[in-house]
N, C-alpha and C. Protein backbone atom coordinates (compact mmCIF):
# COMPACT_ATOMS: atom_id res chain seq x y z
N MET A 1 3.49 -79.41 -9.29
CA MET A 1 4.27 -78.23 -9.07
C MET A 1 4.10 -77.80 -7.62
N ASN A 2 5.21 -77.45 -6.95
CA ASN A 2 5.18 -77.00 -5.57
C ASN A 2 5.56 -75.52 -5.53
N VAL A 3 4.68 -74.68 -5.02
CA VAL A 3 4.89 -73.23 -5.02
C VAL A 3 5.01 -72.72 -3.59
N PRO A 4 6.12 -72.05 -3.24
CA PRO A 4 6.19 -71.44 -1.92
C PRO A 4 5.31 -70.19 -1.86
N ILE A 5 4.65 -70.00 -0.72
CA ILE A 5 3.80 -68.81 -0.53
C ILE A 5 3.86 -68.43 0.94
N ASN A 6 4.00 -67.13 1.22
CA ASN A 6 4.05 -66.74 2.63
C ASN A 6 2.62 -66.61 3.16
N ALA A 7 2.50 -66.67 4.49
CA ALA A 7 1.19 -66.71 5.13
C ALA A 7 0.37 -65.46 4.81
N LYS A 8 1.01 -64.31 4.75
CA LYS A 8 0.29 -63.07 4.47
C LYS A 8 -0.33 -63.12 3.07
N ARG A 9 0.43 -63.59 2.10
CA ARG A 9 -0.10 -63.68 0.74
C ARG A 9 -1.18 -64.74 0.64
N LEU A 10 -1.02 -65.83 1.39
CA LEU A 10 -2.04 -66.87 1.40
C LEU A 10 -3.38 -66.31 1.85
N ARG A 11 -3.37 -65.53 2.94
CA ARG A 11 -4.60 -64.93 3.44
C ARG A 11 -5.22 -64.00 2.41
N ALA A 12 -4.38 -63.25 1.72
CA ALA A 12 -4.87 -62.26 0.77
C ALA A 12 -5.40 -62.88 -0.52
N THR A 13 -4.91 -64.08 -0.86
CA THR A 13 -5.28 -64.68 -2.15
C THR A 13 -5.89 -66.07 -2.00
N LEU A 14 -6.52 -66.34 -0.87
CA LEU A 14 -7.03 -67.68 -0.60
C LEU A 14 -7.93 -68.24 -1.70
N PRO A 15 -8.90 -67.50 -2.23
CA PRO A 15 -9.74 -68.08 -3.28
C PRO A 15 -8.92 -68.54 -4.50
N ASP A 16 -7.92 -67.76 -4.88
CA ASP A 16 -7.06 -68.13 -6.01
C ASP A 16 -6.24 -69.38 -5.67
N VAL A 17 -5.73 -69.45 -4.45
CA VAL A 17 -4.96 -70.61 -4.02
C VAL A 17 -5.83 -71.87 -4.06
N VAL A 18 -7.06 -71.78 -3.56
CA VAL A 18 -7.97 -72.92 -3.57
C VAL A 18 -8.19 -73.40 -4.99
N GLU A 19 -8.42 -72.49 -5.89
CA GLU A 19 -8.65 -72.86 -7.29
C GLU A 19 -7.44 -73.55 -7.89
N ARG A 20 -6.24 -73.02 -7.60
CA ARG A 20 -5.02 -73.63 -8.12
C ARG A 20 -4.77 -75.01 -7.52
N VAL A 21 -5.08 -75.19 -6.24
CA VAL A 21 -4.91 -76.49 -5.61
C VAL A 21 -5.86 -77.50 -6.25
N ARG A 22 -7.07 -77.09 -6.54
CA ARG A 22 -8.03 -77.98 -7.22
C ARG A 22 -7.51 -78.44 -8.57
N LYS A 23 -6.66 -77.63 -9.18
CA LYS A 23 -6.09 -77.98 -10.49
C LYS A 23 -4.77 -78.73 -10.35
N GLY A 24 -4.33 -79.00 -9.11
CA GLY A 24 -3.15 -79.84 -8.93
C GLY A 24 -1.92 -79.17 -8.35
N THR A 25 -1.93 -77.85 -8.17
CA THR A 25 -0.78 -77.16 -7.61
C THR A 25 -0.65 -77.44 -6.12
N ARG A 26 0.56 -77.66 -5.67
CA ARG A 26 0.86 -77.84 -4.25
C ARG A 26 1.53 -76.57 -3.74
N PHE A 27 1.21 -76.16 -2.53
CA PHE A 27 1.81 -74.97 -1.93
C PHE A 27 2.54 -75.34 -0.65
N THR A 28 3.70 -74.73 -0.45
CA THR A 28 4.39 -74.82 0.83
C THR A 28 4.25 -73.44 1.47
N VAL A 29 3.59 -73.38 2.61
CA VAL A 29 3.33 -72.11 3.28
C VAL A 29 4.51 -71.76 4.17
N ILE A 30 5.02 -70.55 3.97
CA ILE A 30 6.16 -70.06 4.73
C ILE A 30 5.63 -69.12 5.81
N TYR A 31 6.01 -69.41 7.05
CA TYR A 31 5.58 -68.58 8.18
C TYR A 31 6.82 -68.24 9.00
N ARG A 32 7.04 -66.96 9.18
CA ARG A 32 8.24 -66.47 9.89
C ARG A 32 9.52 -67.03 9.29
N SER A 33 9.59 -66.98 7.99
CA SER A 33 10.76 -67.37 7.20
C SER A 33 11.08 -68.86 7.21
N ARG A 34 10.11 -69.69 7.63
CA ARG A 34 10.33 -71.13 7.65
C ARG A 34 9.14 -71.84 7.05
N PRO A 35 9.37 -72.96 6.38
CA PRO A 35 8.23 -73.75 5.88
C PRO A 35 7.41 -74.23 7.07
N ALA A 36 6.09 -74.01 7.02
CA ALA A 36 5.23 -74.38 8.14
C ALA A 36 4.35 -75.59 7.80
N PHE A 37 3.77 -75.60 6.62
CA PHE A 37 2.90 -76.70 6.21
C PHE A 37 2.70 -76.65 4.71
N GLN A 38 2.11 -77.74 4.18
CA GLN A 38 1.81 -77.80 2.76
C GLN A 38 0.32 -77.87 2.54
N ILE A 39 -0.11 -77.30 1.43
CA ILE A 39 -1.48 -77.42 0.98
C ILE A 39 -1.42 -78.27 -0.28
N VAL A 40 -2.12 -79.38 -0.25
CA VAL A 40 -2.08 -80.32 -1.38
C VAL A 40 -3.51 -80.68 -1.79
N PRO A 41 -3.72 -81.07 -3.03
CA PRO A 41 -5.04 -81.51 -3.45
C PRO A 41 -5.49 -82.73 -2.65
N VAL A 42 -6.77 -82.85 -2.41
CA VAL A 42 -7.31 -83.95 -1.63
C VAL A 42 -6.96 -85.30 -2.27
N ASP A 43 -7.04 -85.39 -3.57
CA ASP A 43 -6.76 -86.67 -4.25
C ASP A 43 -5.33 -86.74 -4.76
N ASP A 44 -4.42 -86.09 -4.06
CA ASP A 44 -3.00 -86.07 -4.47
C ASP A 44 -2.43 -87.47 -4.43
N LYS A 45 -2.00 -87.97 -5.57
CA LYS A 45 -1.41 -89.31 -5.65
C LYS A 45 0.10 -89.28 -5.48
N GLY A 46 0.70 -88.10 -5.38
CA GLY A 46 2.16 -87.99 -5.28
C GLY A 46 2.71 -88.44 -3.94
N HIS A 47 1.90 -88.49 -2.92
CA HIS A 47 2.35 -88.87 -1.60
C HIS A 47 1.36 -89.88 -1.02
N ALA A 48 1.90 -90.80 -0.25
CA ALA A 48 1.04 -91.80 0.38
C ALA A 48 0.14 -91.11 1.41
N ALA A 49 -1.11 -91.45 1.38
CA ALA A 49 -2.05 -90.89 2.34
C ALA A 49 -1.84 -91.56 3.69
N ILE A 50 -1.94 -90.78 4.74
CA ILE A 50 -1.80 -91.31 6.09
C ILE A 50 -3.18 -91.33 6.74
N THR A 51 -3.50 -92.44 7.35
CA THR A 51 -4.79 -92.53 8.01
C THR A 51 -4.66 -91.93 9.39
N LEU A 52 -5.78 -91.53 9.97
CA LEU A 52 -5.75 -90.95 11.32
C LEU A 52 -5.16 -91.93 12.32
N ALA A 53 -5.45 -93.19 12.16
CA ALA A 53 -4.93 -94.20 13.10
C ALA A 53 -3.41 -94.26 13.08
N ASP A 54 -2.78 -93.88 11.95
CA ASP A 54 -1.32 -93.90 11.84
C ASP A 54 -0.68 -92.58 12.22
N ASP A 55 -1.46 -91.55 12.41
CA ASP A 55 -0.93 -90.23 12.73
C ASP A 55 -0.58 -90.14 14.21
N THR A 56 0.69 -89.85 14.52
CA THR A 56 1.13 -89.80 15.92
C THR A 56 0.39 -88.76 16.72
N LEU A 57 0.09 -87.63 16.13
CA LEU A 57 -0.62 -86.59 16.87
C LEU A 57 -2.04 -87.04 17.22
N TYR A 58 -2.70 -87.72 16.30
CA TYR A 58 -4.05 -88.21 16.55
C TYR A 58 -4.06 -89.26 17.66
N ARG A 59 -3.05 -90.12 17.67
CA ARG A 59 -2.98 -91.19 18.66
C ARG A 59 -2.38 -90.76 20.00
N ALA A 60 -1.88 -89.55 20.09
CA ALA A 60 -1.19 -89.09 21.31
C ALA A 60 -2.13 -89.07 22.51
N GLN A 61 -1.58 -89.42 23.64
CA GLN A 61 -2.31 -89.34 24.89
C GLN A 61 -2.37 -87.88 25.33
N PRO A 62 -3.38 -87.49 26.10
CA PRO A 62 -3.43 -86.12 26.61
C PRO A 62 -2.18 -85.83 27.44
N VAL A 63 -1.64 -84.65 27.27
CA VAL A 63 -0.42 -84.29 28.00
C VAL A 63 -0.66 -83.20 29.03
N GLY A 64 -1.89 -82.78 29.20
CA GLY A 64 -2.18 -81.76 30.20
C GLY A 64 -2.38 -80.41 29.57
N SER A 65 -2.51 -79.44 30.42
CA SER A 65 -2.72 -78.07 29.94
C SER A 65 -1.48 -77.25 30.27
N SER A 66 -1.55 -75.97 29.95
CA SER A 66 -0.39 -75.11 30.17
C SER A 66 -0.04 -74.94 31.65
N ASP A 67 -0.95 -75.32 32.53
CA ASP A 67 -0.66 -75.18 33.96
C ASP A 67 -0.22 -76.52 34.59
N ASP A 68 0.21 -77.47 33.75
CA ASP A 68 0.62 -78.77 34.28
C ASP A 68 2.11 -78.81 34.66
N GLY A 69 2.79 -77.70 34.49
CA GLY A 69 4.20 -77.64 34.87
C GLY A 69 5.15 -78.06 33.76
N ARG A 70 4.61 -78.55 32.66
CA ARG A 70 5.47 -78.95 31.55
C ARG A 70 5.65 -77.79 30.58
N THR A 71 6.77 -77.79 29.90
CA THR A 71 7.03 -76.77 28.90
C THR A 71 6.56 -77.29 27.54
N SER A 72 6.55 -76.43 26.55
CA SER A 72 6.18 -76.86 25.20
C SER A 72 7.21 -77.87 24.67
N ILE A 73 8.44 -77.76 25.09
CA ILE A 73 9.46 -78.72 24.68
C ILE A 73 9.12 -80.11 25.24
N ASP A 74 8.65 -80.15 26.48
CA ASP A 74 8.24 -81.42 27.09
C ASP A 74 7.07 -82.02 26.31
N HIS A 75 6.10 -81.18 25.98
CA HIS A 75 4.93 -81.66 25.22
C HIS A 75 5.36 -82.19 23.86
N ASP A 76 6.24 -81.47 23.17
CA ASP A 76 6.70 -81.92 21.86
C ASP A 76 7.43 -83.25 21.95
N ALA A 77 8.22 -83.43 23.01
CA ALA A 77 8.95 -84.69 23.18
C ALA A 77 7.96 -85.87 23.33
N ILE A 78 6.84 -85.62 23.97
CA ILE A 78 5.83 -86.66 24.14
C ILE A 78 5.10 -86.92 22.83
N LEU A 79 4.73 -85.85 22.13
CA LEU A 79 3.97 -85.99 20.88
C LEU A 79 4.80 -86.48 19.71
N TYR A 80 6.06 -86.07 19.66
CA TYR A 80 6.90 -86.39 18.52
C TYR A 80 8.17 -87.09 18.97
N PRO A 81 8.06 -88.32 19.46
CA PRO A 81 9.26 -89.01 19.93
C PRO A 81 10.21 -89.27 18.77
N ARG A 82 11.47 -89.27 19.05
CA ARG A 82 12.48 -89.52 18.00
C ARG A 82 13.08 -90.87 18.18
C-alpha cells in the first residue's frame, strides 16, 4: 500500500510512520504540493534494489561549490543527464 503524506504530518507522526513502514506500508512524501521522495521498507521486494555503484548521484564527479559560477540548473544537468 502506498500512502501520500505531507512533510509536516510526517514530522509530527514519525514514530507511527516508522512502525507502519516496518509492517510494509510505503509512503510518498509530499513537499510543497509535489511528491518529493518515498519511504519504503528496507526489505521491500516490490522494486529492484539499486546498488550505490549504479546510483548516478553516488558516481557523480564533484561539480564545485556555490561560488563556482554555475547555477543549480547547471549542477542538475551534470548530475542527472538525460
